[in-house]
C-alpha atoms as a PDB file:
ATOM      1  CA  UNK A   1       0.000   0.000   0.000  1.00  0.00           C
ATOM      2  CA  UNK A   2       1.491   3.264  -1.151  1.00  0.00           C
ATOM      3  CA  UNK A   3       1.748   6.092   1.318  1.00  0.00           C
ATOM      4  CA  UNK A   4       0.503   9.529   0.267  1.00  0.00           C
ATOM      5  CA  UNK A   5       3.252  12.009  -0.429  1.00  0.00           C
ATOM      6  CA  UNK A   6       3.127  15.148   1.610  1.00  0.00           C
ATOM      7  CA  UNK A   7       2.072  18.219  -0.377  1.00  0.00           C
ATOM      8  CA  UNK A   8       4.762  20.848  -0.401  1.00  0.00           C
ATOM      9  CA  UNK A   9       3.393  24.365  -0.308  1.00  0.00           C
ATOM     10  CA  UNK A  10       5.518  27.157  -1.645  1.00  0.00           C
ATOM     11  CA  UNK A  11       5.192  30.003   0.777  1.00  0.00           C
ATOM     12  CA  UNK A  12       6.496  33.338  -0.347  1.00  0.00           C
ATOM     13  CA  UNK A  13       8.410  34.907   2.481  1.00  0.00           C
ATOM     14  CA  UNK A  14       7.626  38.603   2.810  1.00  0.00           C
ATOM     15  CA  UNK A  15      10.197  40.489   4.775  1.00  0.00           C
ATOM     16  CA  UNK A  16       9.435  43.431   6.995  1.00  0.00           C
ATOM     17  CA  UNK A  17      11.079  45.771   4.492  1.00  0.00           C
ATOM     18  CA  UNK A  18       8.882  44.489   1.662  1.00  0.00           C
ATOM     19  CA  UNK A  19       5.747  44.870   3.783  1.00  0.00           C
ATOM     20  CA  UNK A  20       6.793  48.416   4.603  1.00  0.00           C
ATOM     21  CA  UNK A  21       7.252  49.270   0.912  1.00  0.00           C
ATOM     22  CA  UNK A  22       3.834  47.826   0.060  1.00  0.00           C
ATOM     23  CA  UNK A  23       2.256  49.773   2.908  1.00  0.00           C
ATOM     24  CA  UNK A  24       3.925  53.043   1.871  1.00  0.00           C
ATOM     25  CA  UNK A  25       2.931  52.508  -1.745  1.00  0.00           C
ATOM     26  CA  UNK A  26      -0.723  51.786  -0.964  1.00  0.00           C
ATOM     27  CA  UNK A  27      -1.003  54.531   1.625  1.00  0.00           C
ATOM     28  CA  UNK A  28       0.655  57.152  -0.577  1.00  0.00           C
ATOM     29  CA  UNK A  29      -1.497  56.196  -3.549  1.00  0.00           C
ATOM     30  CA  UNK A  30      -4.614  56.427  -1.403  1.00  0.00           C
ATOM     31  CA  UNK A  31      -3.595  59.865  -0.099  1.00  0.00           C
ATOM     32  CA  UNK A  32      -2.870  61.220  -3.581  1.00  0.00           C
ATOM     33  CA  UNK A  33      -6.093  59.826  -5.006  1.00  0.00           C
ATOM     34  CA  UNK A  34      -8.030  61.414  -2.139  1.00  0.00           C
ATOM     35  CA  UNK A  35      -6.269  64.718  -2.828  1.00  0.00           C
ATOM     36  CA  UNK A  36      -7.046  64.428  -6.523  1.00  0.00           C
ATOM     37  CA  UNK A  37     -10.647  63.539  -5.717  1.00  0.00           C
ATOM     38  CA  UNK A  38     -10.911  66.792  -3.800  1.00  0.00           C
ATOM     39  CA  UNK A  39      -9.806  68.638  -6.938  1.00  0.00           C
ATOM     40  CA  UNK A  40     -12.099  66.731  -9.319  1.00  0.00           C
ATOM     41  CA  UNK A  41     -14.814  69.340  -9.560  1.00  0.00           C
ATOM     42  CA  UNK A  42     -17.063  70.593 -12.318  1.00  0.00           C
ATOM     43  CA  UNK A  43     -16.695  74.258 -13.270  1.00  0.00           C
ATOM     44  CA  UNK A  44     -20.296  75.385 -12.886  1.00  0.00           C
ATOM     45  CA  UNK A  45     -19.514  78.997 -13.821  1.00  0.00           C
ATOM     46  CA  UNK A  46     -17.967  77.906 -17.121  1.00  0.00           C
ATOM     47  CA  UNK A  47     -20.902  75.568 -17.758  1.00  0.00           C
ATOM     48  CA  UNK A  48     -23.435  78.369 -17.290  1.00  0.00           C
ATOM     49  CA  UNK A  49     -21.369  80.687 -19.496  1.00  0.00           C
ATOM     50  CA  UNK A  50     -21.260  78.128 -22.286  1.00  0.00           C
ATOM     51  CA  UNK A  51     -24.996  77.451 -22.001  1.00  0.00           C
ATOM     52  CA  UNK A  52     -25.745  81.173 -22.321  1.00  0.00           C
ATOM     53  CA  UNK A  53     -23.327  81.365 -25.283  1.00  0.00           C
ATOM     54  CA  UNK A  54     -25.111  78.444 -26.964  1.00  0.00           C
ATOM     55  CA  UNK A  55     -28.530  80.077 -26.477  1.00  0.00           C
ATOM     56  CA  UNK A  56     -27.380  83.448 -27.831  1.00  0.00           C
ATOM     57  CA  UNK A  57     -25.717  81.719 -30.790  1.00  0.00           C
ATOM     58  CA  UNK A  58     -28.903  79.776 -31.557  1.00  0.00           C
ATOM     59  CA  UNK A  59     -31.012  82.945 -31.500  1.00  0.00           C
ATOM     60  CA  UNK A  60     -28.656  84.811 -33.825  1.00  0.00           C
ATOM     61  CA  UNK A  61     -27.955  82.057 -36.323  1.00  0.00           C
ATOM     62  CA  UNK A  62     -31.537  80.794 -36.546  1.00  0.00           C
ATOM     63  CA  UNK A  63     -33.284  84.145 -36.786  1.00  0.00           C
ATOM     64  CA  UNK A  64     -30.745  86.316 -38.582  1.00  0.00           C
ATOM     65  CA  UNK A  65     -28.965  83.777 -40.784  1.00  0.00           C
ATOM     66  CA  UNK A  66     -31.884  81.397 -41.353  1.00  0.00           C
ATOM     67  CA  UNK A  67     -29.708  78.392 -40.524  1.00  0.00           C
ATOM     68  CA  UNK A  68     -31.140  75.249 -38.970  1.00  0.00           C
ATOM     69  CA  UNK A  69     -29.575  73.812 -35.836  1.00  0.00           C
ATOM     70  CA  UNK A  70     -28.720  70.536 -37.606  1.00  0.00           C
ATOM     71  CA  UNK A  71     -26.641  72.228 -40.347  1.00  0.00           C
ATOM     72  CA  UNK A  72     -22.849  72.008 -40.483  1.00  0.00           C
ATOM     73  CA  UNK A  73     -22.049  75.335 -38.816  1.00  0.00           C
ATOM     74  CA  UNK A  74     -24.161  74.855 -35.652  1.00  0.00           C
ATOM     75  CA  UNK A  75     -22.867  71.297 -35.267  1.00  0.00           C
ATOM     76  CA  UNK A  76     -19.255  72.501 -35.430  1.00  0.00           C
ATOM     77  CA  UNK A  77     -19.919  75.342 -32.991  1.00  0.00           C
ATOM     78  CA  UNK A  78     -21.721  73.191 -30.429  1.00  0.00           C
ATOM     79  CA  UNK A  79     -19.062  70.481 -30.769  1.00  0.00           C
ATOM     80  CA  UNK A  80     -16.447  73.116 -29.952  1.00  0.00           C
ATOM     81  CA  UNK A  81     -18.415  74.207 -26.877  1.00  0.00           C
ATOM     82  CA  UNK A  82     -18.714  70.628 -25.609  1.00  0.00           C
ATOM     83  CA  UNK A  83     -15.003  69.912 -26.097  1.00  0.00           C
ATOM     84  CA  UNK A  84     -14.172  73.257 -24.459  1.00  0.00           C
ATOM     85  CA  UNK A  85     -16.094  72.292 -21.337  1.00  0.00           C
ATOM     86  CA  UNK A  86     -14.602  68.796 -21.221  1.00  0.00           C
ATOM     87  CA  UNK A  87     -11.026  70.082 -21.495  1.00  0.00           C
ATOM     88  CA  UNK A  88     -11.375  73.194 -19.310  1.00  0.00           C
ATOM     89  CA  UNK A  89     -14.281  72.676 -16.927  1.00  0.00           C
ATOM     90  CA  UNK A  90     -14.559  68.953 -16.214  1.00  0.00           C
ATOM     91  CA  UNK A  91     -12.561  66.671 -13.857  1.00  0.00           C
ATOM     92  CA  UNK A  92     -10.550  65.557 -16.906  1.00  0.00           C
ATOM     93  CA  UNK A  93      -8.587  68.796 -16.571  1.00  0.00           C
ATOM     94  CA  UNK A  94      -7.277  67.852 -13.129  1.00  0.00           C
ATOM     95  CA  UNK A  95      -6.659  64.238 -14.125  1.00  0.00           C
ATOM     96  CA  UNK A  96      -4.514  65.364 -17.048  1.00  0.00           C
ATOM     97  CA  UNK A  97      -2.049  66.962 -14.602  1.00  0.00           C
ATOM     98  CA  UNK A  98      -0.926  63.559 -13.378  1.00  0.00           C
ATOM     99  CA  UNK A  99       0.963  62.895 -16.613  1.00  0.00           C
ATOM    100  CA  UNK A 100       2.812  65.472 -18.716  1.00  0.00           C
ATOM    101  CA  UNK A 101       1.742  63.716 -21.912  1.00  0.00           C
ATOM    102  CA  UNK A 102      -1.913  63.807 -20.873  1.00  0.00           C
ATOM    103  CA  UNK A 103      -1.503  67.470 -19.938  1.00  0.00           C
ATOM    104  CA  UNK A 104      -0.073  68.332 -23.360  1.00  0.00           C
ATOM    105  CA  UNK A 105      -2.825  66.396 -25.136  1.00  0.00           C
ATOM    106  CA  UNK A 106      -5.423  68.267 -23.084  1.00  0.00           C
ATOM    107  CA  UNK A 107      -3.877  71.668 -23.860  1.00  0.00           C
ATOM    108  CA  UNK A 108      -3.424  70.800 -27.545  1.00  0.00           C
ATOM    109  CA  UNK A 109      -7.112  69.920 -27.849  1.00  0.00           C
ATOM    110  CA  UNK A 110      -8.094  73.085 -25.968  1.00  0.00           C
ATOM    111  CA  UNK A 111      -5.953  75.482 -28.027  1.00  0.00           C
ATOM    112  CA  UNK A 112      -5.596  73.685 -31.375  1.00  0.00           C
ATOM    113  CA  UNK A 113      -8.992  72.027 -31.888  1.00  0.00           C
ATOM    114  CA  UNK A 114     -11.620  74.057 -30.023  1.00  0.00           C
ATOM    115  CA  UNK A 115     -10.835  77.513 -31.560  1.00  0.00           C
ATOM    116  CA  UNK A 116     -11.111  76.400 -35.227  1.00  0.00           C
ATOM    117  CA  UNK A 117     -14.338  74.531 -34.466  1.00  0.00           C
ATOM    118  CA  UNK A 118     -15.859  77.645 -32.906  1.00  0.00           C
ATOM    119  CA  UNK A 119     -14.679  79.864 -35.769  1.00  0.00           C
ATOM    120  CA  UNK A 120     -15.879  77.468 -38.468  1.00  0.00           C
ATOM    121  CA  UNK A 121     -19.235  77.359 -36.718  1.00  0.00           C
ATOM    122  CA  UNK A 122     -19.729  81.082 -37.234  1.00  0.00           C
ATOM    123  CA  UNK A 123     -21.202  82.470 -40.478  1.00  0.00           C
ATOM    124  CA  UNK A 124     -18.541  83.811 -42.826  1.00  0.00           C
ATOM    125  CA  UNK A 125     -20.097  87.279 -42.935  1.00  0.00           C
ATOM    126  CA  UNK A 126     -19.441  87.542 -39.186  1.00  0.00           C
ATOM    127  CA  UNK A 127     -15.712  87.161 -39.799  1.00  0.00           C
ATOM    128  CA  UNK A 128     -14.037  89.534 -42.229  1.00  0.00           C
ATOM    129  CA  UNK A 129     -10.968  87.700 -43.556  1.00  0.00           C
ATOM    130  CA  UNK A 130      -9.103  90.846 -44.641  1.00  0.00           C
ATOM    131  CA  UNK A 131      -9.285  92.605 -41.276  1.00  0.00           C
ATOM    132  CA  UNK A 132      -7.302  91.936 -38.155  1.00  0.00           C
ATOM    133  CA  UNK A 133      -4.381  90.166 -39.834  1.00  0.00           C
ATOM    134  CA  UNK A 134      -1.814  92.092 -37.803  1.00  0.00           C
ATOM    135  CA  UNK A 135      -3.761  91.305 -34.653  1.00  0.00           C
ATOM    136  CA  UNK A 136      -3.646  87.608 -35.544  1.00  0.00           C
ATOM    137  CA  UNK A 137       0.115  87.734 -36.060  1.00  0.00           C
ATOM    138  CA  UNK A 138       0.578  89.514 -32.747  1.00  0.00           C
ATOM    139  CA  UNK A 139      -1.730  86.967 -31.068  1.00  0.00           C
ATOM    140  CA  UNK A 140       0.313  84.102 -32.529  1.00  0.00           C
ATOM    141  CA  UNK A 141       3.565  85.577 -31.217  1.00  0.00           C
ATOM    142  CA  UNK A 142       2.013  86.285 -27.812  1.00  0.00           C
ATOM    143  CA  UNK A 143       0.539  82.779 -27.614  1.00  0.00           C
ATOM    144  CA  UNK A 144       3.843  81.102 -28.505  1.00  0.00           C
ATOM    145  CA  UNK A 145       5.829  83.178 -26.006  1.00  0.00           C
ATOM    146  CA  UNK A 146       3.292  82.774 -23.198  1.00  0.00           C
ATOM    147  CA  UNK A 147       2.889  79.049 -23.897  1.00  0.00           C
ATOM    148  CA  UNK A 148       6.652  78.572 -23.680  1.00  0.00           C
ATOM    149  CA  UNK A 149       6.847  80.642 -20.491  1.00  0.00           C
ATOM    150  CA  UNK A 150       3.888  78.770 -19.016  1.00  0.00           C
ATOM    151  CA  UNK A 151       5.772  75.455 -19.099  1.00  0.00           C
ATOM    152  CA  UNK A 152       9.066  76.658 -17.661  1.00  0.00           C
ATOM    153  CA  UNK A 153       9.640  74.975 -14.271  1.00  0.00           C
ATOM    154  CA  UNK A 154      10.087  78.146 -12.213  1.00  0.00           C
ATOM    155  CA  UNK A 155       7.044  79.824 -13.789  1.00  0.00           C
ATOM    156  CA  UNK A 156       4.682  76.869 -13.443  1.00  0.00           C
ATOM    157  CA  UNK A 157       5.739  76.468  -9.803  1.00  0.00           C
ATOM    158  CA  UNK A 158       4.900  80.139  -9.284  1.00  0.00           C
ATOM    159  CA  UNK A 159       1.486  79.730 -10.942  1.00  0.00           C
ATOM    160  CA  UNK A 160       0.527  76.590  -9.013  1.00  0.00           C
ATOM    161  CA  UNK A 161       0.541  78.634  -5.814  1.00  0.00           C
ATOM    162  CA  UNK A 162      -1.531  81.432  -7.395  1.00  0.00           C
ATOM    163  CA  UNK A 163      -4.668  79.954  -9.005  1.00  0.00           C
ATOM    164  CA  UNK A 164      -6.135  83.352  -9.904  1.00  0.00           C
ATOM    165  CA  UNK A 165      -3.140  84.321 -12.037  1.00  0.00           C
ATOM    166  CA  UNK A 166      -3.155  80.833 -13.550  1.00  0.00           C
ATOM    167  CA  UNK A 167      -6.791  81.251 -14.603  1.00  0.00           C
ATOM    168  CA  UNK A 168      -6.071  84.664 -16.146  1.00  0.00           C
ATOM    169  CA  UNK A 169      -3.149  83.271 -18.149  1.00  0.00           C
ATOM    170  CA  UNK A 170      -5.292  80.391 -19.421  1.00  0.00           C
ATOM    171  CA  UNK A 171      -7.949  82.873 -20.561  1.00  0.00           C
ATOM    172  CA  UNK A 172      -5.316  84.991 -22.340  1.00  0.00           C
ATOM    173  CA  UNK A 173      -3.962  81.864 -24.040  1.00  0.00           C
ATOM    174  CA  UNK A 174      -7.437  80.875 -25.246  1.00  0.00           C
ATOM    175  CA  UNK A 175      -8.282  84.343 -26.588  1.00  0.00           C
ATOM    176  CA  UNK A 176      -4.897  84.447 -28.346  1.00  0.00           C
ATOM    177  CA  UNK A 177      -5.597  80.996 -29.791  1.00  0.00           C
ATOM    178  CA  UNK A 178      -8.914  82.250 -31.206  1.00  0.00           C
ATOM    179  CA  UNK A 179      -7.161  85.130 -32.969  1.00  0.00           C
ATOM    180  CA  UNK A 180      -4.248  83.055 -34.249  1.00  0.00           C
ATOM    181  CA  UNK A 181      -6.637  80.518 -35.837  1.00  0.00           C
ATOM    182  CA  UNK A 182      -8.737  83.242 -37.456  1.00  0.00           C
ATOM    183  CA  UNK A 183      -6.675  83.630 -40.677  1.00  0.00           C
ATOM    184  CA  UNK A 184      -6.571  79.857 -41.204  1.00  0.00           C
ATOM    185  CA  UNK A 185     -10.338  79.489 -40.874  1.00  0.00           C
ATOM    186  CA  UNK A 186     -11.487  82.647 -42.698  1.00  0.00           C
ATOM    187  CA  UNK A 187      -8.913  83.342 -45.432  1.00  0.00           C
ATOM    188  CA  UNK A 188     -10.064  82.420 -48.952  1.00  0.00           C
ATOM    189  CA  UNK A 189      -6.528  82.545 -50.324  1.00  0.00           C
ATOM    190  CA  UNK A 190      -4.891  79.138 -50.095  1.00  0.00           C
ATOM    191  CA  UNK A 191      -1.367  80.577 -50.052  1.00  0.00           C
ATOM    192  CA  UNK A 192      -2.192  82.905 -47.163  1.00  0.00           C
ATOM    193  CA  UNK A 193      -3.651  80.016 -45.202  1.00  0.00           C
ATOM    194  CA  UNK A 194      -0.602  77.842 -45.865  1.00  0.00           C
ATOM    195  CA  UNK A 195       1.806  80.657 -44.980  1.00  0.00           C
ATOM    196  CA  UNK A 196       0.121  81.410 -41.669  1.00  0.00           C
ATOM    197  CA  UNK A 197      -0.059  77.694 -40.804  1.00  0.00           C
ATOM    198  CA  UNK A 198       3.682  77.325 -41.446  1.00  0.00           C
ATOM    199  CA  UNK A 199       4.364  80.433 -39.347  1.00  0.00           C
ATOM    200  CA  UNK A 200       2.349  79.042 -36.457  1.00  0.00           C
ATOM    201  CA  UNK A 201       4.243  75.737 -36.634  1.00  0.00           C
ATOM    202  CA  UNK A 202       7.591  77.566 -36.600  1.00  0.00           C
ATOM    203  CA  UNK A 203       6.684  79.750 -33.622  1.00  0.00           C
ATOM    204  CA  UNK A 204       5.340  76.806 -31.633  1.00  0.00           C
ATOM    205  CA  UNK A 205       8.405  74.690 -32.375  1.00  0.00           C
ATOM    206  CA  UNK A 206      10.626  76.123 -29.549  1.00  0.00           C
ATOM    207  CA  UNK A 207       8.180  75.017 -26.853  1.00  0.00           C
ATOM    208  CA  UNK A 208       7.944  71.490 -28.285  1.00  0.00           C
ATOM    209  CA  UNK A 209      11.718  71.241 -28.678  1.00  0.00           C
ATOM    210  CA  UNK A 210      12.137  72.429 -25.090  1.00  0.00           C
ATOM    211  CA  UNK A 211      10.021  69.538 -23.823  1.00  0.00           C
ATOM    212  CA  UNK A 212      11.762  66.981 -26.034  1.00  0.00           C
ATOM    213  CA  UNK A 213      15.315  68.128 -25.238  1.00  0.00           C
ATOM    214  CA  UNK A 214      14.582  68.529 -21.534  1.00  0.00           C
ATOM    215  CA  UNK A 215      13.087  65.056 -21.369  1.00  0.00           C
ATOM    216  CA  UNK A 216      16.050  63.481 -23.165  1.00  0.00           C
ATOM    217  CA  UNK A 217      18.636  65.321 -21.076  1.00  0.00           C
ATOM    218  CA  UNK A 218      16.945  64.263 -17.846  1.00  0.00           C
ATOM    219  CA  UNK A 219      16.925  60.672 -19.018  1.00  0.00           C
ATOM    220  CA  UNK A 220      13.218  60.412 -18.406  1.00  0.00           C
ATOM    221  CA  UNK A 221      13.594  61.208 -14.723  1.00  0.00           C
ATOM    222  CA  UNK A 222      11.288  64.218 -14.800  1.00  0.00           C
ATOM    223  CA  UNK A 223       7.615  64.199 -13.964  1.00  0.00           C
ATOM    224  CA  UNK A 224       4.619  66.440 -14.285  1.00  0.00           C
ATOM    225  CA  UNK A 225       5.088  69.765 -12.431  1.00  0.00           C
ATOM    226  CA  UNK A 226       1.543  69.531 -11.080  1.00  0.00           C
ATOM    227  CA  UNK A 227       2.153  66.026  -9.758  1.00  0.00           C
ATOM    228  CA  UNK A 228       5.463  67.164  -8.274  1.00  0.00           C
ATOM    229  CA  UNK A 229       3.707  70.078  -6.578  1.00  0.00           C
ATOM    230  CA  UNK A 230       1.106  67.694  -5.170  1.00  0.00           C
ATOM    231  CA  UNK A 231       3.772  65.296  -3.867  1.00  0.00           C
ATOM    232  CA  UNK A 232       5.529  68.189  -2.101  1.00  0.00           C
ATOM    233  CA  UNK A 233       2.283  69.263  -0.452  1.00  0.00           C
ATOM    234  CA  UNK A 234       1.682  65.698   0.771  1.00  0.00           C
ATOM    235  CA  UNK A 235       5.336  65.226   1.867  1.00  0.00           C
ATOM    236  CA  UNK A 236       5.912  62.305  -0.519  1.00  0.00           C
ATOM    237  CA  UNK A 237       9.415  61.691  -1.817  1.00  0.00           C
ATOM    238  CA  UNK A 238       9.781  62.202  -5.608  1.00  0.00           C
ATOM    239  CA  UNK A 239      11.240  58.708  -6.065  1.00  0.00           C
ATOM    240  CA  UNK A 240       8.063  57.208  -4.578  1.00  0.00           C
ATOM    241  CA  UNK A 241       5.778  58.929  -7.069  1.00  0.00           C
ATOM    242  CA  UNK A 242       6.816  56.542  -9.848  1.00  0.00           C
ATOM    243  CA  UNK A 243       5.931  53.616  -7.581  1.00  0.00           C
ATOM    244  CA  UNK A 244       2.567  55.125  -6.748  1.00  0.00           C
ATOM    245  CA  UNK A 245       1.735  55.802 -10.402  1.00  0.00           C
ATOM    246  CA  UNK A 246       3.327  52.973 -12.391  1.00  0.00           C
ATOM    247  CA  UNK A 247       1.840  54.251 -15.654  1.00  0.00           C
ATOM    248  CA  UNK A 248       4.221  57.221 -15.572  1.00  0.00           C
ATOM    249  CA  UNK A 249       6.173  57.011 -18.828  1.00  0.00           C
ATOM    250  CA  UNK A 250       9.944  57.107 -18.762  1.00  0.00           C
ATOM    251  CA  UNK A 251      10.228  59.830 -21.388  1.00  0.00           C
ATOM    252  CA  UNK A 252       7.000  61.612 -20.530  1.00  0.00           C
ATOM    253  CA  UNK A 253       8.119  65.073 -21.673  1.00  0.00           C
ATOM    254  CA  UNK A 254       9.508  63.741 -24.952  1.00  0.00           C
ATOM    255  CA  UNK A 255       6.240  62.024 -25.812  1.00  0.00           C
ATOM    256  CA  UNK A 256       4.315  65.118 -24.714  1.00  0.00           C
ATOM    257  CA  UNK A 257       6.311  67.392 -27.040  1.00  0.00           C
ATOM    258  CA  UNK A 258       5.901  65.004 -29.976  1.00  0.00           C
ATOM    259  CA  UNK A 259       2.175  64.661 -29.246  1.00  0.00           C
ATOM    260  CA  UNK A 260       1.790  68.438 -29.274  1.00  0.00           C
ATOM    261  CA  UNK A 261       3.494  68.715 -32.678  1.00  0.00           C
ATOM    262  CA  UNK A 262       1.365  65.923 -34.095  1.00  0.00           C
ATOM    263  CA  UNK A 263      -1.915  67.315 -32.774  1.00  0.00           C
ATOM    264  CA  UNK A 264      -1.089  70.787 -34.081  1.00  0.00           C
ATOM    265  CA  UNK A 265      -0.449  69.364 -37.548  1.00  0.00           C
ATOM    266  CA  UNK A 266      -3.617  67.242 -37.434  1.00  0.00           C
ATOM    267  CA  UNK A 267      -5.666  70.265 -36.341  1.00  0.00           C
ATOM    268  CA  UNK A 268      -4.398  72.320 -39.284  1.00  0.00           C
ATOM    269  CA  UNK A 269      -5.214  69.533 -41.754  1.00  0.00           C
ATOM    270  CA  UNK A 270      -8.669  68.998 -40.247  1.00  0.00           C
ATOM    271  CA  UNK A 271      -9.404  72.732 -40.226  1.00  0.00           C
ATOM    272  CA  UNK A 272      -8.413  73.128 -43.882  1.00  0.00           C
ATOM    273  CA  UNK A 273     -10.599  70.188 -44.909  1.00  0.00           C
ATOM    274  CA  UNK A 274     -13.617  71.480 -42.994  1.00  0.00           C
ATOM    275  CA  UNK A 275     -13.104  74.965 -44.432  1.00  0.00           C
ATOM    276  CA  UNK A 276     -12.833  73.658 -48.006  1.00  0.00           C
ATOM    277  CA  UNK A 277     -16.063  71.701 -47.597  1.00  0.00           C
ATOM    278  CA  UNK A 278     -17.816  74.766 -46.229  1.00  0.00           C
ATOM    279  CA  UNK A 279     -16.577  76.900 -49.134  1.00  0.00           C
ATOM    280  CA  UNK A 280     -17.721  74.307 -51.680  1.00  0.00           C
ATOM    281  CA  UNK A 281     -21.120  74.292 -50.002  1.00  0.00           C
ATOM    282  CA  UNK A 282     -21.363  78.069 -50.238  1.00  0.00           C
ATOM    283  CA  UNK A 283     -20.481  78.009 -53.936  1.00  0.00           C
ATOM    284  CA  UNK A 284     -23.364  75.684 -54.790  1.00  0.00           C
ATOM    285  CA  UNK A 285     -25.932  77.777 -56.610  1.00  0.00           C
ATOM    286  CA  UNK A 286     -29.487  77.603 -55.451  1.00  0.00           C
ATOM    287  CA  UNK A 287     -32.066  76.804 -58.130  1.00  0.00           C
ATOM    288  CA  UNK A 288     -33.831  79.902 -59.385  1.00  0.00           C
ATOM    289  CA  UNK A 289     -37.508  80.252 -58.680  1.00  0.00           C
ATOM    290  CA  UNK A 290     -39.858  80.198 -61.690  1.00  0.00           C
END
């Protein structure tokens, strides 16, 4: 009669140091998520402002321009308003601060996609393409300089402690973005549109190169300034942040700079295609009445 062999159980020995690391990791992650949860708020003031803007737009475009709400222009305008609220007034704004790449994608959508959608949603007779060109150039230069300054470490650390100034700068950036996209969306001359698009890409290049070079020189050791500011407030060591958020990319700033360049290019291509379709629609002659 064969005797049963004893079952050998493999028990993983967890040392006190390992248990301490697991405890610190879970506790720190819980603290940061609670802190982020306190910041995940809806911007009710922005929501009410956008609702009033949508109502005023509907009254003007339906009564004065005789345009139905389901036509191309209202759809583009309301799409821009929805994306504006999601990127500037929803909890997604605070969540994007955890990763630099997510932050750059959020800002690229806010400043490179929303303004052309809003402008293309307006009737062409509201926007005079031959006026305000110098203002648009000045707005492009101001946007590029302020955007570059906004992401410098010392300046962003200064702004994180002063939310009012940070809000003002974001508003100035958005208004400048509206003006710098105006020639691309309203100009009928293809060469003028191409020239201004190339100029905008050249002026935005220094900020993107700054992120890419800084990320490569740091060897991927940098992290989001907002996340760094939060870790300092919660007294968490910087080397523990990567353990708390394992999805932090090694070359976060490099990917963020490349993503910004790609989204800017895609926004220009999309804007030109939407504008060409709108112009072809305006050139279609209506049948004459008998």
